[in-house]
Protein backbone atom coordinates (compact mmCIF):
# COMPACT_ATOMS: atom_id res chain seq x y z
CA UNK A 1 -15.47 5.79 15.98
CA UNK A 2 -17.30 5.20 12.47
CA UNK A 3 -18.78 1.56 12.34
CA UNK A 4 -20.26 0.36 8.97
CA UNK A 5 -23.42 -1.48 10.57
CA UNK A 6 -24.01 -3.81 8.13
CA UNK A 7 -20.79 -5.61 9.13
CA UNK A 8 -19.97 -5.05 12.31
CA UNK A 9 -23.28 -4.22 14.32
CA UNK A 10 -23.74 -6.58 17.27
CA UNK A 11 -27.30 -8.09 17.30
CA UNK A 12 -29.30 -9.55 20.46
CA UNK A 13 -28.37 -12.90 19.15
CA UNK A 14 -24.58 -12.00 19.02
CA UNK A 15 -24.80 -10.71 22.73
CA UNK A 16 -26.00 -14.00 23.58
CA UNK A 17 -23.46 -15.97 21.84
CA UNK A 18 -20.66 -13.67 22.85
CA UNK A 19 -21.75 -13.05 26.33
CA UNK A 20 -22.49 -9.55 27.39
CA UNK A 21 -19.52 -9.13 29.63
CA UNK A 22 -17.28 -10.18 26.95
CA UNK A 23 -19.15 -7.66 24.39
CA UNK A 24 -19.06 -4.80 26.57
CA UNK A 25 -15.31 -5.64 27.96
CA UNK A 26 -13.68 -6.07 24.70
CA UNK A 27 -11.47 -3.86 22.76
CA UNK A 28 -12.04 -3.05 18.93
CA UNK A 29 -9.82 -5.82 17.67
CA UNK A 30 -11.47 -8.25 20.15
CA UNK A 31 -14.98 -7.56 19.26
CA UNK A 32 -14.22 -8.00 15.48
CA UNK A 33 -12.56 -11.36 16.19
CA UNK A 34 -15.65 -12.27 18.63
CA UNK A 35 -18.23 -11.42 16.16
CA UNK A 36 -16.43 -13.07 13.14
CA UNK A 37 -16.23 -16.23 15.28
CA UNK A 38 -19.86 -16.09 15.95
CA UNK A 39 -20.99 -15.53 12.75
CA UNK A 40 -18.51 -18.07 11.01
CA UNK A 41 -17.84 -14.75 8.63
CA UNK A 42 -14.68 -12.98 7.43
CA UNK A 43 -14.36 -9.51 8.42
CA UNK A 44 -12.63 -8.53 4.94
CA UNK A 45 -13.68 -5.60 3.27
CA UNK A 46 -10.90 -5.12 1.02
CA UNK A 47 -10.18 -7.60 -1.89
CA UNK A 48 -7.23 -5.41 -3.02
CA UNK A 49 -4.97 -2.69 -1.81
CA UNK A 50 -3.21 0.05 -4.07
CA UNK A 51 -0.20 1.33 -2.12
CA UNK A 52 1.04 4.44 -3.60
CA UNK A 53 4.76 4.93 -2.18
CA UNK A 54 5.90 8.17 -2.12
CA UNK A 55 9.70 7.17 -1.70
CA UNK A 56 11.76 9.91 0.00
CA UNK A 57 9.00 11.34 2.44
CA UNK A 58 6.62 13.94 0.84
CA UNK A 59 6.09 17.20 2.44
CA UNK A 60 2.74 17.54 4.24
CA UNK A 61 2.76 21.33 4.28
CA UNK A 62 2.60 21.45 0.49
CA UNK A 63 0.21 18.66 0.30
CA UNK A 64 -2.41 17.64 2.79
CA UNK A 65 -1.72 20.00 5.96
CA UNK A 66 -0.79 23.36 4.89
CA UNK A 67 -0.35 25.90 7.95
CA UNK A 68 -1.23 29.06 6.54
CA UNK A 69 -1.10 30.87 10.15
CA UNK A 70 2.42 29.80 10.81
CA UNK A 71 5.36 32.19 10.38
CA UNK A 72 6.52 32.46 6.48
CA UNK A 73 9.69 30.22 7.22
CA UNK A 74 7.18 27.48 8.00
CA UNK A 75 4.11 28.02 6.12
CA UNK A 76 6.08 28.26 2.59
CA UNK A 77 4.87 29.72 -0.73
CA UNK A 78 1.61 27.77 -1.26
CA UNK A 79 -1.92 28.67 -0.57
CA UNK A 80 -4.34 26.49 1.35
CA UNK A 81 -7.67 25.25 -0.62
CA UNK A 82 -11.11 24.33 0.74
CA UNK A 83 -11.92 20.84 0.37
CA UNK A 84 -15.60 19.27 0.40
CA UNK A 85 -15.20 18.29 3.84
CA UNK A 86 -15.98 21.23 6.24
CA UNK A 87 -13.01 22.73 7.98
CA UNK A 88 -10.44 20.67 5.81
CA UNK A 89 -7.96 22.23 3.73
CA UNK A 90 -5.25 21.04 1.20
CA UNK A 91 -2.70 22.78 -0.16
CA UNK A 92 -3.17 24.74 -3.54
CA UNK A 93 -2.03 21.94 -5.91
CA UNK A 94 -4.35 19.18 -4.52
CA UNK A 95 -7.33 20.46 -6.18
CA UNK A 96 -9.04 17.39 -7.90
CA UNK A 97 -8.63 15.41 -4.61
CA UNK A 98 -10.11 18.58 -2.60
CA UNK A 99 -12.95 18.07 -4.94
CA UNK A 100 -13.46 14.33 -3.97
CA UNK A 101 -12.69 14.54 -0.30
CA UNK A 102 -16.12 12.98 0.55
CA UNK A 103 -14.32 9.71 -1.12
CA UNK A 104 -11.21 10.07 1.08
CA UNK A 105 -9.50 10.35 4.57
CA UNK A 106 -6.44 12.07 5.52
CA UNK A 107 -4.57 10.78 8.74
CA UNK A 108 -2.52 13.43 10.23
CA UNK A 109 -1.89 11.59 13.44
CA UNK A 110 0.54 8.95 12.51
CA UNK A 111 4.60 9.60 13.81
CA UNK A 112 7.44 7.37 14.63
CA UNK A 113 11.02 7.97 15.43
CA UNK A 114 12.90 6.65 12.25
CA UNK A 115 14.21 9.86 10.72
CA UNK A 116 16.07 8.20 7.93
CA UNK A 117 15.11 6.65 4.78
CA UNK A 118 15.98 3.10 5.31
CA UNK A 119 14.71 2.92 8.95
CA UNK A 120 11.33 4.69 8.16
CA UNK A 121 10.91 2.72 4.95
CA UNK A 122 11.04 -0.35 6.72
CA UNK A 123 8.71 0.67 9.73
CA UNK A 124 5.64 2.14 7.28
CA UNK A 125 6.20 -0.55 4.96
CA UNK A 126 6.12 -3.46 7.44
CA UNK A 127 4.54 -2.20 10.21
CA UNK A 128 7.79 -3.28 12.47
CA UNK A 129 10.61 -0.70 13.49
CA UNK A 130 14.24 -1.98 12.41
CA UNK A 131 15.94 -3.97 15.20
CA UNK A 132 19.25 -2.16 14.62
CA UNK A 133 20.26 1.22 13.46
CA UNK A 134 19.77 1.46 9.78
CA UNK A 135 21.55 4.08 7.64
CA UNK A 136 19.58 6.48 5.05
CA UNK A 137 20.35 4.30 1.87
CA UNK A 138 20.27 0.82 3.16
CA UNK A 139 17.70 -1.99 1.66
CA UNK A 140 16.88 -3.66 4.85
CA UNK A 141 14.51 -6.45 5.62
CA UNK A 142 13.83 -7.33 9.20
CA UNK A 143 10.23 -8.30 8.66
CA UNK A 144 7.51 -9.12 5.80
CA UNK A 145 6.37 -5.98 4.05
CA UNK A 146 2.69 -5.48 3.96
CA UNK A 147 2.46 -6.70 0.23
CA UNK A 148 4.36 -9.91 0.98
CA UNK A 149 2.01 -10.83 3.92
CA UNK A 150 -1.13 -10.14 1.98
CA UNK A 151 0.23 -12.48 -0.91
CA UNK A 152 0.97 -15.01 1.67
CA UNK A 153 -2.24 -14.87 3.18
CA UNK A 154 -4.65 -14.02 0.14
CA UNK A 155 -3.08 -15.34 -2.92
CA UNK A 156 -4.43 -14.57 -6.30
CA UNK A 157 -6.32 -15.99 -9.27
CA UNK A 158 -5.85 -17.03 -12.90
CA UNK A 159 -2.12 -17.88 -12.45
CA UNK A 160 -1.16 -14.00 -11.59
CA UNK A 161 1.19 -13.17 -8.57
CA UNK A 162 -0.68 -11.97 -5.62
CA UNK A 163 1.66 -8.79 -5.09
CA UNK A 164 2.63 -6.72 -7.86
CA UNK A 165 5.27 -3.37 -7.58
CA UNK A 166 6.07 -0.88 -10.39
CA UNK A 167 8.45 -0.01 -11.67
CA UNK A 168 10.42 -1.33 -8.91
CA UNK A 169 10.44 -2.64 -5.33
CA UNK A 170 10.56 -0.43 -2.17
CA UNK A 171 13.92 -0.93 -0.21
CA UNK A 172 11.84 -2.96 2.42
CA UNK A 173 9.12 -4.40 0.18
CA UNK A 174 10.37 -7.85 0.18
CA UNK A 175 9.22 -10.86 2.07
CA UNK A 176 12.00 -11.55 4.47
CA UNK A 177 11.39 -15.10 6.10
CA UNK A 178 8.21 -15.99 4.15
CA UNK A 179 10.35 -16.64 0.77
CA UNK A 180 10.73 -15.64 -2.59
CA UNK A 181 7.22 -16.60 -3.75
CA UNK A 182 6.02 -13.83 -1.92
CA UNK A 183 8.30 -11.32 -3.21
CA UNK A 184 6.52 -8.72 -5.50
CA UNK A 185 6.41 -9.17 -9.39
CA UNK A 186 8.05 -6.04 -10.52
CA UNK A 187 7.07 -4.39 -13.95
CA UNK A 188 9.62 -2.16 -14.47
CA UNK A 189 8.67 -1.09 -18.20
CA UNK A 190 6.66 2.06 -18.74
CA UNK A 191 2.94 1.74 -19.73
CA UNK A 192 3.27 4.79 -21.40
CA UNK A 193 5.43 3.54 -24.06
CA UNK A 194 3.90 2.50 -27.37
CA UNK A 195 5.56 -0.76 -27.21
CA UNK A 196 4.88 -1.40 -23.66
CA UNK A 197 5.43 -5.18 -22.79
CA UNK A 198 5.73 -7.13 -19.40
CA UNK A 199 8.27 -9.65 -18.98
CA UNK A 200 7.38 -13.41 -18.70
CA UNK A 201 3.84 -12.87 -19.87
CA UNK A 202 4.06 -14.53 -23.13
CA UNK A 203 5.65 -17.60 -24.82
CA UNK A 204 9.07 -16.84 -26.29
CA UNK A 205 8.71 -16.70 -30.28
CA UNK A 206 9.32 -20.29 -31.79
CA UNK A 207 8.40 -22.11 -28.73
CA UNK A 208 4.97 -23.92 -29.25
CA UNK A 209 2.64 -24.77 -25.99
CA UNK A 210 3.46 -28.28 -26.55
CA UNK A 211 7.22 -27.93 -26.34
CA UNK A 212 6.82 -25.66 -23.55
CA UNK A 213 4.73 -28.16 -21.68
CA UNK A 214 7.35 -30.76 -22.38
CA UNK A 215 9.89 -28.85 -21.02
CA UNK A 216 7.88 -28.13 -17.75
CA UNK A 217 7.57 -31.93 -17.26
CA UNK A 218 11.41 -32.39 -17.63
CA UNK A 219 11.87 -29.71 -15.16
CA UNK A 220 9.43 -31.28 -12.68
CA UNK A 221 11.30 -34.91 -12.97
CA UNK A 222 14.29 -33.56 -12.20
CA UNK A 223 13.07 -31.32 -9.14
CA UNK A 224 11.73 -34.67 -7.62
CA UNK A 225 15.21 -35.91 -7.09
CA UNK A 226 16.23 -36.47 -3.41
CA UNK A 227 18.86 -34.07 -3.75
CA UNK A 228 16.30 -31.20 -4.61
CA UNK A 229 13.95 -32.28 -1.77
CA UNK A 230 16.60 -32.36 0.66
CA UNK A 231 17.80 -28.67 0.31
CA UNK A 232 17.21 -26.67 3.31
CA UNK A 233 15.04 -23.47 3.06
CA UNK A 234 16.39 -20.53 1.74
CA UNK A 235 18.46 -22.18 -0.60
CA UNK A 236 18.89 -19.99 -3.65
CA UNK A 237 18.00 -22.56 -6.10
CA UNK A 238 14.50 -23.18 -4.35
CA UNK A 239 13.93 -19.28 -4.84
CA UNK A 240 14.97 -19.74 -8.53
CA UNK A 241 12.28 -22.79 -8.80
CA UNK A 242 9.71 -20.15 -7.47
CA UNK A 243 10.55 -17.61 -9.57
CA UNK A 244 10.46 -20.16 -12.69
CA UNK A 245 7.04 -21.39 -11.77
CA UNK A 246 5.59 -18.00 -11.15
CA UNK A 247 6.76 -17.20 -14.70
CA UNK A 248 5.37 -20.28 -16.25
CA UNK A 249 2.16 -19.64 -14.81
CA UNK A 250 2.11 -16.09 -16.08
CA UNK A 251 2.67 -17.44 -19.66
CA UNK A 252 -0.09 -19.69 -19.73
CA UNK A 253 -2.65 -17.18 -18.23
CA UNK A 254 -4.76 -15.33 -20.57
CA UNK A 255 -6.32 -13.20 -17.70
CA UNK A 256 -2.95 -12.01 -17.05
CA UNK A 257 -2.06 -11.30 -20.78
CA UNK A 258 -5.39 -9.15 -20.63
CA UNK A 259 -4.99 -7.50 -17.46
CA UNK A 260 -1.36 -6.27 -19.04
CA UNK A 261 -2.90 -4.95 -22.32
CA UNK A 262 -3.51 -1.46 -21.45
CA UNK A 263 -4.00 -0.70 -25.12
CA UNK A 264 -7.58 -1.90 -24.73
CA UNK A 265 -8.11 1.25 -22.62
CA UNK A 266 -9.78 3.87 -24.66
CA UNK A 267 -7.70 6.88 -25.35
CA UNK A 268 -10.26 9.18 -23.24
CA UNK A 269 -9.51 6.78 -20.26
CA UNK A 270 -5.89 6.98 -20.63
CA UNK A 271 -5.66 10.71 -21.12
CA UNK A 272 -7.74 11.12 -17.99
CA UNK A 273 -5.27 9.52 -15.90
CA UNK A 274 -2.28 11.44 -17.61
CA UNK A 275 -0.27 10.52 -20.40
CA UNK A 276 3.29 10.13 -18.09
CA UNK A 277 4.65 6.84 -16.37
CA UNK A 278 2.99 7.23 -12.92
CA UNK A 279 -0.60 8.03 -14.58
CA UNK A 280 -0.46 4.98 -16.73
CA UNK A 281 0.65 2.84 -14.06
CA UNK A 282 -2.21 3.96 -12.13
CA UNK A 283 -4.43 2.85 -14.50
CA UNK A 284 -2.56 -0.57 -14.86
CA UNK A 285 -3.16 -0.91 -11.17
CA UNK A 286 -6.68 -0.74 -11.53
CA UNK A 287 -6.56 -3.25 -14.26
CA UNK A 288 -4.91 -5.67 -11.76
CA UNK A 289 -7.38 -4.99 -9.60
CA UNK A 290 -9.95 -6.09 -12.06
CA UNK A 291 -8.06 -9.23 -12.46
CA UNK A 292 -8.21 -10.01 -8.69
CA UNK A 293 -4.58 -9.18 -7.57
CA UNK A 294 -4.67 -8.44 -3.97
CA UNK A 295 -1.71 -6.04 -3.61
CA UNK A 296 -0.30 -3.30 -6.06
CA UNK A 297 2.51 -1.10 -5.21
CA UNK A 298 2.97 1.98 -7.15
CA UNK A 299 6.51 3.17 -6.31
CA UNK A 300 6.78 6.61 -6.72
CA UNK A 301 10.38 8.06 -6.15
CA UNK A 302 11.84 11.51 -5.91
CA UNK A 303 10.05 13.07 -2.81
CA UNK A 304 13.31 13.83 -0.97
CA UNK A 305 13.06 17.48 -1.61
CA UNK A 306 16.00 18.77 0.36
CA UNK A 307 16.50 21.39 -2.07
CA UNK A 308 13.60 23.60 -3.98
CA UNK A 309 10.47 21.98 -2.45
CA UNK A 310 8.39 24.66 -3.91
CA UNK A 311 9.69 24.61 -7.59
CA UNK A 312 9.54 20.70 -7.53
CA UNK A 313 6.03 20.41 -5.99
CA UNK A 314 4.58 23.15 -8.39
CA UNK A 315 5.87 21.02 -11.27
CA UNK A 316 4.84 17.70 -9.92
CA UNK A 317 1.88 17.81 -7.95
CA UNK A 318 -0.86 18.64 -10.47
CA UNK A 319 -0.38 15.63 -12.47
CA UNK A 320 0.16 13.44 -9.33
CA UNK A 321 -3.15 14.93 -7.69
CA UNK A 322 -4.90 14.21 -11.21
CA UNK A 323 -3.83 10.56 -11.46
CA UNK A 324 -4.59 9.60 -7.85
CA UNK A 325 -8.11 11.42 -7.81
CA UNK A 326 -8.73 9.71 -11.12
CA UNK A 327 -7.93 6.43 -9.87
CA UNK A 328 -10.28 6.81 -7.01
CA UNK A 329 -13.11 8.07 -9.43
CA UNK A 330 -12.61 5.46 -11.85
CA UNK A 331 -12.58 2.66 -9.21
CA UNK A 332 -15.81 4.09 -7.72
CA UNK A 333 -17.60 4.31 -11.02
CA UNK A 334 -16.78 0.80 -11.56
CA UNK A 335 -17.94 -0.46 -8.46
CA UNK A 336 -14.51 -1.38 -7.24
CA UNK A 337 -13.78 1.34 -4.60
CA UNK A 338 -15.84 -0.43 -1.70
CA UNK A 339 -13.55 -3.29 -2.19
CA UNK A 340 -10.19 -1.70 -2.89
CA UNK A 341 -8.25 0.33 -0.30
CA UNK A 342 -6.16 3.28 -1.95
CA UNK A 343 -3.06 4.56 0.15
CA UNK A 344 -0.94 7.44 -0.54
CA UNK A 345 2.49 7.95 1.86
CA UNK A 346 6.17 7.93 2.16
CA UNK A 347 8.45 7.05 4.93
CA UNK A 348 7.83 10.55 6.83
CA UNK A 349 7.22 14.07 6.36
CA UNK A 350 9.20 17.22 5.91
CA UNK A 351 10.60 19.84 8.57
CA UNK A 352 8.86 22.57 9.64
CA UNK A 353 11.45 25.04 8.99
CA UNK A 354 12.57 25.75 5.69
CA UNK A 355 16.34 25.36 5.08
CA UNK A 356 18.59 27.77 3.14
CA UNK A 357 18.26 25.79 0.00
CA UNK A 358 14.33 26.13 -0.03
CA UNK A 359 14.01 22.73 0.92
CA UNK A 360 12.65 20.84 3.57
CA UNK A 361 14.47 17.98 5.17
CA UNK A 362 13.60 14.50 6.90
CA UNK A 363 10.95 14.85 9.79
CA UNK A 364 9.09 11.78 11.17
CA UNK A 365 7.35 13.50 13.96
CA UNK A 366 4.31 14.39 11.59
CA UNK A 367 3.08 13.08 8.33
CA UNK A 368 -0.05 13.11 6.00
CA UNK A 369 -1.38 9.37 4.74
CA UNK A 370 -4.43 9.22 2.60
CA UNK A 371 -6.72 6.35 2.89
CA UNK A 372 -9.98 5.92 0.32
CA UNK A 373 -12.24 3.08 -0.12
CA UNK A 374 -12.74 -0.42 1.47
CA UNK A 375 -15.29 0.81 4.13
CA UNK A 376 -13.03 3.92 4.81
CA UNK A 377 -15.42 6.66 6.08
CA UNK A 378 -14.76 9.91 3.77
CA UNK A 379 -15.05 13.47 4.40
CA UNK A 380 -12.64 13.19 7.34
CA UNK A 381 -9.23 14.46 8.85
CA UNK A 382 -8.20 11.93 11.31
CA UNK A 383 -6.09 13.78 14.15
CA UNK A 384 -4.38 17.37 13.69
CA UNK A 385 -0.96 18.68 13.88
CA UNK A 386 -0.07 21.88 15.96
CA UNK A 387 -0.42 25.19 14.34
CA UNK A 388 3.12 24.83 12.98
CA UNK A 389 3.01 21.23 11.92
CA UNK A 390 5.49 20.01 14.30
CA UNK A 391 3.70 17.02 15.78
CA UNK A 392 0.18 15.87 15.93
CA UNK A 393 -1.94 17.11 18.86
CA UNK A 394 -3.70 14.93 21.19
CA UNK A 395 -4.12 11.12 20.27
CA UNK A 396 -1.01 9.87 17.88
CA UNK A 397 -1.12 6.68 16.08
CA UNK A 398 1.94 4.51 15.24
CA UNK A 399 2.91 2.56 11.79
CA UNK A 400 1.78 -0.42 13.88
CA UNK A 401 -1.93 1.02 14.09
CA UNK A 402 -1.47 1.90 10.36
CA UNK A 403 -0.42 -1.59 9.28
CA UNK A 404 -3.19 -3.17 11.55
CA UNK A 405 -5.79 -1.27 9.77
CA UNK A 406 -4.88 -2.33 6.23
CA UNK A 407 -4.59 -5.87 7.62
CA UNK A 408 -8.02 -5.88 9.32
CA UNK A 409 -9.62 -4.48 6.23
CA UNK A 410 -8.09 -7.25 4.27
CA UNK A 411 -9.84 -9.80 6.72
CA UNK A 412 -6.06 -10.53 7.88
CA UNK A 413 -5.68 -10.69 11.75
CA UNK A 414 -2.91 -8.44 12.58
CA UNK A 415 -2.30 -10.24 15.76
CA UNK A 416 -1.37 -13.49 14.11
CA UNK A 417 1.80 -15.35 14.92
CA UNK A 418 4.00 -16.04 12.05
CA UNK A 419 6.75 -18.82 12.15
CA UNK A 420 10.34 -18.56 10.35
CA UNK A 421 11.66 -21.74 8.51
CA UNK A 422 13.56 -21.88 11.93
CA UNK A 423 10.22 -22.38 13.86
CA UNK A 424 10.80 -19.02 15.53
CA UNK A 425 7.51 -17.15 16.58
CA UNK A 426 6.96 -13.70 15.25
CA UNK A 427 3.98 -11.25 15.70
CA UNK A 428 2.73 -10.03 12.75
CA UNK A 429 2.12 -6.79 14.37
CA UNK A 430 3.25 -6.09 18.03
CA UNK A 431 0.29 -3.69 18.39
CA UNK A 432 -2.72 -4.97 16.84
CA UNK A 433 -5.25 -1.84 17.49
CA UNK A 434 -6.33 -0.18 14.16
CA UNK A 435 -7.06 3.34 13.71
CA UNK A 436 -10.80 3.39 14.74
CA UNK A 437 -12.04 6.39 12.59
CA UNK A 438 -10.98 4.32 9.22
CA UNK A 439 -12.80 1.16 10.21
């Protein structure tokens, strides 16, 4: 286990405060809690998270876990390349990320048992398995998503929403019982367009600030009517009011308007990210981090390669690799990587055997997940899969461990109990142990 000594090391005084037996017998999560209690300090390392959601389930073979010694029907067409990390290889189109592997960790030990899109998406987006069988195309929410919980616990400054998703929301990326105010603010326009504009960030033309304030005051008076106050939780009118308030705050926020003004970036920076929708959304995510937004999801669809996986990856991966590597390096150069957690994953990996359509099918028994920043020790691959990539060998990790790692880095207790509007207690994560190598 790699531990940041400046934050989590136990001094002699800590031992006296905690009791030596408690220190020696406690698990990792307990140690963090006790240390925070003794010092009165937060364990938060991350101020922001950028989650790159590769919807459909990216192939681990053609990205971060090549299998050159497997039979041809498993290893595929791409060659492995060396990274800066001794003994760790990526697939041939991951060249830029291979060149900065000292800044990131690849986790190869996560697996679960939800082999369709709806269920796998829910499990990885929330850290909680679905309660009932879920079909592939289902948009389900049995538990608040990582982004919604972060918004609930952290908030954001300057009238900005605390949770963004671009250009759409993942099928299980919503707030569930936390309520509409913790749903993601979706930026659906393409920031690579010359006329890129974010909705609700400027007052409508012809409406002065004085008239706008007057209208808000009238609405506020109406909302104080007893009929409104008596409404039960979950009423759609309440949800609409929350969206209205959020939009109004955005319109008055100069910081929000500045964050979305991607035209302030130099052409050199914009070109470095790639003049394509994904690259420019990655750049916009960096600007939102600078503005203090705690959770941003880059929804990157189209990774469900049942057909033609090699042709698709050959076309797509170079620009994807460039954008993600540029994002990590840019955050690092600006002093933001230490406080920003960057993640890249989908709902599962792909099958070991190549099918008759030159594709790979769903495979939840193994996958690769990228972690960078927020105190994550780089230069490592956490866990390993067998020689054919069927499953992790040795210790495995669950989506609960994945979620707990994120929450702990954000200073959120993964063992926290949340309460529904009806008062029903719900564990944030049922297994609050993080992936120790990432802490």
